[in-house]
């Protein structure tokens, strides 16, 4: 699996200097997802047209890529007549003229040419590879074609999210050339989940908050299919600051609950955190029925404590209605169709959550 590589191709732009181009040169941005800086001396970026076995290359004679999602900017050719200059490249190439819409780009830990090969996969020194447009070789399937004004960028540099499919892992974005001096994205230094009664409290700590926008909190029952349950905006903009964040899931499911954070930068790029799990144990014999229901739900309470109030939340966690509970039936005929959460509070201030489905 090439997804285990510490240094990856992060962004490629192949229309520098063309009419309407925002930048005057083609470039590749590399990213280091590891915890240590990597010396790139002796590495190379190699490019071939969509069906050619002739590869052009830019050799990296010297240079180091910073750790913890640091960048490295490789300029591929001399400046054209249109667009602004790139930020200071970490390596200046002069002769690689990439095709805007179709081609193949490889990252190698050697300067040995790939000439004669349609793909770098399996070759000595292979690190990472992206085919785009009509390329006849790629990781699984090619990424979409960029344009004069758009680049392709890895959606998620997190190694656990690299699927080794270029079409899935790369998307079309506004070109953003980043070099080894570019501010680091947010770094997640801790992430944990605690239970408090029938709620789950998530807290996490970050550093390197420059260029960061927000967190999306995502939950799953199987650690595979996740849904967003809330958003927490960034608190800091200084790369030196450490910040503490918290989110409360007021309606976790009984049984296993898996959580992760989607960390989004201001340019729209994002990373996923590691997944953490909490198990919520069912201890109360309270049943609601029928579900699905059209106009009412009934409550069967097998506990000694009486139920004193209720709250109904939609799937986004927004409070829809609430009231005092003195009977065993709640009217829901005015609710739109969908899934809801009923939170019941006992006279001992114990809260129990139940799901139901309303349909019209």
Protein backbone atom coordinates (compact mmCIF):
# COMPACT_ATOMS: atom_id res chain seq x y z
CA UNK A 1 0.00 0.00 0.00
CA UNK A 2 1.52 3.33 -1.09
CA UNK A 3 -0.82 5.11 1.35
CA UNK A 4 1.72 4.41 4.12
CA UNK A 5 4.25 6.84 2.60
CA UNK A 6 5.25 9.71 4.92
CA UNK A 7 5.78 12.22 2.07
CA UNK A 8 2.97 12.56 -0.46
CA UNK A 9 2.02 14.56 -3.53
CA UNK A 10 -0.36 17.14 -2.09
CA UNK A 11 -1.16 19.46 -5.04
CA UNK A 12 -0.35 19.67 -8.76
CA UNK A 13 -0.88 22.60 -11.15
CA UNK A 14 0.06 22.24 -14.82
CA UNK A 15 -1.09 25.42 -16.58
CA UNK A 16 1.38 28.03 -15.34
CA UNK A 17 1.92 30.95 -17.70
CA UNK A 18 -1.03 30.08 -19.97
CA UNK A 19 -3.73 32.67 -20.82
CA UNK A 20 -5.87 33.27 -17.73
CA UNK A 21 -3.53 31.32 -15.45
CA UNK A 22 -3.22 32.68 -11.88
CA UNK A 23 0.48 31.67 -11.66
CA UNK A 24 3.31 31.88 -14.17
CA UNK A 25 4.75 28.38 -13.54
CA UNK A 26 3.67 24.76 -13.17
CA UNK A 27 4.33 23.30 -9.72
CA UNK A 28 3.97 20.36 -7.35
CA UNK A 29 3.44 20.74 -3.59
CA UNK A 30 4.61 17.86 -1.40
CA UNK A 31 3.35 17.27 2.15
CA UNK A 32 5.01 15.47 5.07
CA UNK A 33 2.45 13.69 7.26
CA UNK A 34 5.08 12.26 9.61
CA UNK A 35 6.44 13.42 12.96
CA UNK A 36 10.00 14.04 11.71
CA UNK A 37 11.41 16.27 8.96
CA UNK A 38 12.56 14.42 5.84
CA UNK A 39 15.69 15.20 3.84
CA UNK A 40 14.59 15.11 0.18
CA UNK A 41 18.10 15.18 -1.29
CA UNK A 42 18.22 12.62 -4.11
CA UNK A 43 14.43 12.60 -4.64
CA UNK A 44 12.81 13.60 -7.94
CA UNK A 45 9.47 14.68 -9.41
CA UNK A 46 8.85 12.95 -12.74
CA UNK A 47 6.15 13.69 -15.31
CA UNK A 48 4.86 11.92 -18.44
CA UNK A 49 2.04 12.73 -20.85
CA UNK A 50 -1.11 10.64 -20.57
CA UNK A 51 0.08 7.70 -22.71
CA UNK A 52 3.82 8.33 -23.12
CA UNK A 53 6.66 6.24 -21.69
CA UNK A 54 9.02 9.24 -21.85
CA UNK A 55 9.40 10.97 -18.49
CA UNK A 56 10.73 14.47 -17.73
CA UNK A 57 12.04 15.13 -14.26
CA UNK A 58 13.09 17.73 -11.72
CA UNK A 59 15.78 16.43 -9.36
CA UNK A 60 15.86 17.64 -5.76
CA UNK A 61 19.53 18.25 -5.07
CA UNK A 62 19.00 19.51 -1.53
CA UNK A 63 16.19 20.44 0.82
CA UNK A 64 14.15 19.23 3.77
CA UNK A 65 10.37 19.08 4.21
CA UNK A 66 9.13 20.05 7.72
CA UNK A 67 7.33 17.50 9.89
CA UNK A 68 3.69 17.43 10.97
CA UNK A 69 2.05 18.42 7.67
CA UNK A 70 4.82 20.66 6.42
CA UNK A 71 5.01 21.55 2.71
CA UNK A 72 7.67 21.62 -0.03
CA UNK A 73 7.18 23.57 -3.28
CA UNK A 74 8.73 22.29 -6.51
CA UNK A 75 8.59 24.67 -9.49
CA UNK A 76 8.53 22.59 -12.67
CA UNK A 77 9.44 25.07 -15.41
CA UNK A 78 10.69 28.58 -16.17
CA UNK A 79 8.04 31.32 -15.79
CA UNK A 80 5.58 31.96 -18.63
CA UNK A 81 4.05 35.24 -19.70
CA UNK A 82 0.81 35.11 -17.71
CA UNK A 83 0.10 34.94 -13.98
CA UNK A 84 1.98 36.05 -10.90
CA UNK A 85 5.20 34.51 -9.60
CA UNK A 86 5.04 31.56 -7.24
CA UNK A 87 6.02 31.98 -3.60
CA UNK A 88 9.73 31.21 -3.22
CA UNK A 89 10.08 27.61 -4.45
CA UNK A 90 12.06 25.11 -2.42
CA UNK A 91 13.38 23.71 -5.72
CA UNK A 92 13.49 25.46 -9.11
CA UNK A 93 12.90 23.29 -12.18
CA UNK A 94 13.22 24.90 -15.62
CA UNK A 95 12.25 22.43 -18.34
CA UNK A 96 9.25 20.31 -17.33
CA UNK A 97 6.22 21.44 -19.35
CA UNK A 98 3.22 19.53 -18.03
CA UNK A 99 -0.09 19.16 -19.84
CA UNK A 100 -2.94 21.10 -18.27
CA UNK A 101 -5.63 18.43 -18.43
CA UNK A 102 -4.03 14.98 -18.82
CA UNK A 103 -0.86 13.40 -17.50
CA UNK A 104 0.99 11.49 -14.79
CA UNK A 105 3.14 12.79 -11.92
CA UNK A 106 5.38 10.60 -9.77
CA UNK A 107 7.37 11.22 -6.59
CA UNK A 108 10.51 9.06 -6.44
CA UNK A 109 13.22 8.71 -3.80
CA UNK A 110 15.77 8.35 -6.62
CA UNK A 111 16.83 10.40 -9.64
CA UNK A 112 16.84 7.32 -11.90
CA UNK A 113 14.60 8.05 -14.91
CA UNK A 114 11.32 6.19 -15.35
CA UNK A 115 11.74 6.22 -19.15
CA UNK A 116 10.22 3.14 -20.75
CA UNK A 117 7.62 2.60 -18.02
CA UNK A 118 3.95 3.57 -18.14
CA UNK A 119 3.70 3.60 -14.35
CA UNK A 120 6.17 4.12 -11.49
CA UNK A 121 4.31 1.64 -9.28
CA UNK A 122 6.64 -1.24 -8.48
CA UNK A 123 9.76 0.61 -9.61
CA UNK A 124 12.68 1.07 -7.24
CA UNK A 125 12.34 4.30 -5.25
CA UNK A 126 8.59 4.70 -5.86
CA UNK A 127 6.88 6.93 -3.24
CA UNK A 128 3.63 8.40 -4.64
CA UNK A 129 1.82 8.76 -7.95
CA UNK A 130 -1.15 10.60 -9.44
CA UNK A 131 -2.64 10.23 -12.90
CA UNK A 132 -5.19 12.82 -14.03
CA UNK A 133 -7.59 13.33 -16.92
CA UNK A 134 -7.18 10.66 -19.60
CA UNK A 135 -3.95 9.22 -18.15
CA UNK A 136 -3.54 5.54 -18.98
CA UNK A 137 -2.02 4.82 -15.56
CA UNK A 138 -2.89 5.98 -12.04
CA UNK A 139 -3.57 4.71 -8.55
CA UNK A 140 -6.80 2.76 -9.25
CA UNK A 141 -8.40 5.47 -11.44
CA UNK A 142 -7.28 8.96 -12.58
CA UNK A 143 -8.13 12.21 -10.84
CA UNK A 144 -10.35 14.69 -12.69
CA UNK A 145 -8.82 17.05 -15.25
CA UNK A 146 -7.64 20.41 -13.88
CA UNK A 147 -7.74 23.55 -16.03
CA UNK A 148 -5.96 26.86 -16.66
CA UNK A 149 -7.37 28.23 -13.42
CA UNK A 150 -7.72 25.08 -11.29
CA UNK A 151 -5.34 22.54 -9.71
CA UNK A 152 -5.80 19.05 -8.26
CA UNK A 153 -5.22 18.61 -4.53
CA UNK A 154 -5.34 15.71 -2.13
CA UNK A 155 -8.60 15.93 -0.20
CA UNK A 156 -7.18 14.51 2.98
CA UNK A 157 -3.51 14.04 3.89
CA UNK A 158 -4.35 11.82 6.86
CA UNK A 159 -2.67 8.46 6.08
CA UNK A 160 -5.71 6.49 7.26
CA UNK A 161 -7.82 8.32 4.67
CA UNK A 162 -5.56 7.60 1.66
CA UNK A 163 -7.51 5.09 -0.43
CA UNK A 164 -4.87 4.68 -3.17
CA UNK A 165 -7.49 5.88 -5.68
CA UNK A 166 -6.57 9.13 -7.43
CA UNK A 167 -10.16 9.79 -8.48
CA UNK A 168 -11.33 9.57 -4.87
CA UNK A 169 -8.34 11.11 -3.08
CA UNK A 170 -7.91 14.23 -5.28
CA UNK A 171 -10.33 17.03 -6.08
CA UNK A 172 -10.35 20.16 -8.27
CA UNK A 173 -9.40 23.28 -6.28
CA UNK A 174 -8.12 26.83 -6.64
CA UNK A 175 -4.30 26.70 -6.97
CA UNK A 176 -2.55 27.33 -3.64
CA UNK A 177 1.25 26.91 -3.93
CA UNK A 178 2.69 26.29 -0.45
CA UNK A 179 6.40 26.10 0.39
CA UNK A 180 8.41 24.94 3.40
CA UNK A 181 7.87 28.32 5.08
CA UNK A 182 4.08 28.23 4.75
CA UNK A 183 2.18 28.21 8.07
CA UNK A 184 1.34 24.75 9.35
CA UNK A 185 -2.31 23.65 9.51
CA UNK A 186 -3.85 22.88 12.88
CA UNK A 187 -2.19 20.10 14.90
CA UNK A 188 -4.39 17.95 17.14
CA UNK A 189 -2.42 17.19 20.31
CA UNK A 190 -5.12 15.33 22.28
CA UNK A 191 -8.65 13.99 21.70
CA UNK A 192 -10.77 12.08 24.22
CA UNK A 193 -14.38 11.20 25.08
CA UNK A 194 -15.97 10.98 28.55
CA UNK A 195 -19.47 9.93 29.61
CA UNK A 196 -21.50 12.04 32.00
CA UNK A 197 -24.89 10.53 32.72
CA UNK A 198 -26.53 9.99 29.33
CA UNK A 199 -24.26 12.45 27.52
CA UNK A 200 -20.83 12.15 25.91
CA UNK A 201 -18.35 14.98 26.43
CA UNK A 202 -15.67 15.31 23.74
CA UNK A 203 -12.65 17.48 24.43
CA UNK A 204 -9.48 18.09 22.44
CA UNK A 205 -6.42 20.32 22.36
CA UNK A 206 -4.71 21.88 19.33
CA UNK A 207 -1.58 23.80 18.41
CA UNK A 208 -0.43 25.35 15.11
CA UNK A 209 -3.82 26.96 14.51
CA UNK A 210 -2.79 29.19 11.60
CA UNK A 211 -5.10 29.17 8.53
CA UNK A 212 -7.61 27.03 10.42
CA UNK A 213 -11.39 27.42 10.09
CA UNK A 214 -13.43 24.90 12.13
CA UNK A 215 -14.01 21.37 13.39
CA UNK A 216 -16.95 19.19 12.36
CA UNK A 217 -17.80 16.56 14.99
CA UNK A 218 -18.78 13.28 13.35
CA UNK A 219 -20.38 10.17 14.90
CA UNK A 220 -20.87 6.59 13.75
CA UNK A 221 -22.37 3.33 15.02
CA UNK A 222 -19.96 1.11 13.07
CA UNK A 223 -16.76 3.23 12.71
CA UNK A 224 -17.35 3.27 8.94
CA UNK A 225 -20.33 5.49 8.07
CA UNK A 226 -20.09 8.85 9.86
CA UNK A 227 -22.52 11.76 10.09
CA UNK A 228 -21.85 15.31 11.27
CA UNK A 229 -23.54 16.16 14.57
CA UNK A 230 -22.08 19.61 15.22
CA UNK A 231 -19.48 22.25 14.37
CA UNK A 232 -16.94 24.06 16.57
CA UNK A 233 -15.25 27.16 15.13
CA UNK A 234 -11.54 27.88 15.50
CA UNK A 235 -10.44 29.91 18.52
CA UNK A 236 -6.87 30.76 17.55
CA UNK A 237 -4.95 32.05 14.55
CA UNK A 238 -1.42 32.04 15.99
CA UNK A 239 0.74 29.03 15.14
CA UNK A 240 2.24 29.21 18.65
CA UNK A 241 -1.06 29.09 20.55
CA UNK A 242 -2.60 26.02 22.18
CA UNK A 243 -6.36 25.91 22.46
CA UNK A 244 -8.83 23.67 24.29
CA UNK A 245 -12.14 22.72 22.66
CA UNK A 246 -15.23 20.88 23.87
CA UNK A 247 -18.44 19.49 22.38
CA UNK A 248 -21.29 17.70 24.18
CA UNK A 249 -23.27 14.98 22.41
CA UNK A 250 -26.60 15.16 24.24
CA UNK A 251 -28.15 12.29 22.28
CA UNK A 252 -25.65 9.45 21.90
CA UNK A 253 -26.94 6.05 20.86
CA UNK A 254 -27.00 3.19 23.31
CA UNK A 255 -24.17 0.79 22.68
CA UNK A 256 -21.02 1.76 20.80
CA UNK A 257 -20.55 5.37 19.64
CA UNK A 258 -17.54 6.22 17.45
CA UNK A 259 -16.36 9.81 17.10
CA UNK A 260 -13.88 11.65 14.88
CA UNK A 261 -13.11 15.29 14.03
CA UNK A 262 -13.00 16.73 10.53
CA UNK A 263 -10.46 19.57 10.75
CA UNK A 264 -11.07 22.14 7.99
CA UNK A 265 -8.63 24.90 6.94
CA UNK A 266 -9.77 28.27 5.57
CA UNK A 267 -8.90 27.14 2.02
CA UNK A 268 -11.39 24.26 2.31
CA UNK A 269 -8.84 21.45 2.67
CA UNK A 270 -9.41 19.08 5.58
CA UNK A 271 -8.04 16.21 7.65
CA UNK A 272 -9.78 13.59 9.78
CA UNK A 273 -8.62 12.82 13.29
CA UNK A 274 -8.20 9.35 14.71
CA UNK A 275 -11.42 7.59 15.78
CA UNK A 276 -12.30 7.23 19.46
CA UNK A 277 -15.10 5.11 20.96
CA UNK A 278 -17.53 5.29 23.89
CA UNK A 279 -20.00 2.61 24.98
CA UNK A 280 -23.32 3.80 26.39
CA UNK A 281 -24.97 1.09 28.51
CA UNK A 282 -28.76 0.75 28.52
CA UNK A 283 -29.97 0.66 32.13
CA UNK A 284 -33.58 1.84 31.98
CA UNK A 285 -36.60 -0.24 30.89
CA UNK A 286 -38.49 2.53 29.12
CA UNK A 287 -40.10 1.81 25.75
CA UNK A 288 -41.71 4.21 23.27
CA UNK A 289 -44.12 3.01 20.59
CA UNK A 290 -45.32 2.91 17.85
CA UNK A 291 -42.37 3.79 15.63
CA UNK A 292 -42.82 4.76 12.88
CA UNK A 293 -45.83 6.80 13.92
CA UNK A 294 -48.17 9.34 12.29
CA UNK A 295 -49.70 11.35 15.11
CA UNK A 296 -48.57 10.17 18.57
CA UNK A 297 -46.04 8.14 20.53
CA UNK A 298 -46.77 6.30 23.77
CA UNK A 299 -44.39 5.70 26.65
CA UNK A 300 -44.17 2.48 28.65
CA UNK A 301 -42.23 3.13 31.85
CA UNK A 302 -40.94 0.04 33.70
CA UNK A 303 -39.03 2.10 36.24
CA UNK A 304 -40.08 3.22 39.72
CA UNK A 305 -39.20 6.84 38.95
CA UNK A 306 -41.87 8.91 37.30
CA UNK A 307 -41.21 10.86 34.09
CA UNK A 308 -41.61 14.59 34.66
CA UNK A 309 -40.64 16.20 31.33
CA UNK A 310 -39.65 15.47 27.75
CA UNK A 311 -37.70 17.09 24.93
CA UNK A 312 -37.75 16.20 21.21
CA UNK A 313 -34.64 16.82 19.04
CA UNK A 314 -34.14 16.43 15.31
CA UNK A 315 -31.18 14.56 13.77
CA UNK A 316 -29.03 17.70 13.87
CA UNK A 317 -29.49 17.89 17.66
CA UNK A 318 -31.79 20.94 17.48
CA UNK A 319 -34.55 21.17 20.10
CA UNK A 320 -37.94 20.90 18.35
CA UNK A 321 -40.37 20.78 21.27
CA UNK A 322 -40.53 20.13 25.00
CA UNK A 323 -43.06 19.91 27.75
CA UNK A 324 -44.14 18.51 31.09
CA UNK A 325 -45.06 14.86 30.97
CA UNK A 326 -48.02 13.77 33.08
CA UNK A 327 -49.60 11.23 30.68
CA UNK A 328 -48.15 8.37 28.64
CA UNK A 329 -48.82 9.84 25.19
CA UNK A 330 -47.13 12.68 23.26
CA UNK A 331 -48.68 14.24 20.15
CA UNK A 332 -46.31 14.49 17.15
CA UNK A 333 -48.75 15.08 14.28
CA UNK A 334 -47.26 18.52 13.47
CA UNK A 335 -43.71 17.21 13.04
CA UNK A 336 -42.30 16.77 9.51
CA UNK A 337 -41.40 13.23 8.46
CA UNK A 338 -37.99 12.03 9.68
CA UNK A 339 -36.05 10.54 12.58
CA UNK A 340 -36.23 12.19 16.01
CA UNK A 341 -34.80 11.75 19.49
CA UNK A 342 -36.96 11.81 22.60
CA UNK A 343 -35.21 12.74 25.82
CA UNK A 344 -37.16 11.85 28.98
CA UNK A 345 -36.30 13.24 32.43
CA UNK A 346 -37.37 11.46 35.60
CA UNK A 347 -38.30 12.94 38.96
CA UNK A 348 -34.80 11.83 40.09
CA UNK A 349 -33.32 13.98 37.29
CA UNK A 350 -32.25 10.89 35.28
CA UNK A 351 -32.32 11.43 31.52
CA UNK A 352 -33.07 8.62 29.05
CA UNK A 353 -32.89 8.97 25.26
CA UNK A 354 -35.02 7.12 22.72
CA UNK A 355 -35.32 7.33 18.93
CA UNK A 356 -38.54 7.34 16.91
CA UNK A 357 -39.57 7.86 13.30
CA UNK A 358 -42.39 10.18 12.22
CA UNK A 359 -44.04 9.75 8.84
CA UNK A 360 -47.00 11.44 7.16
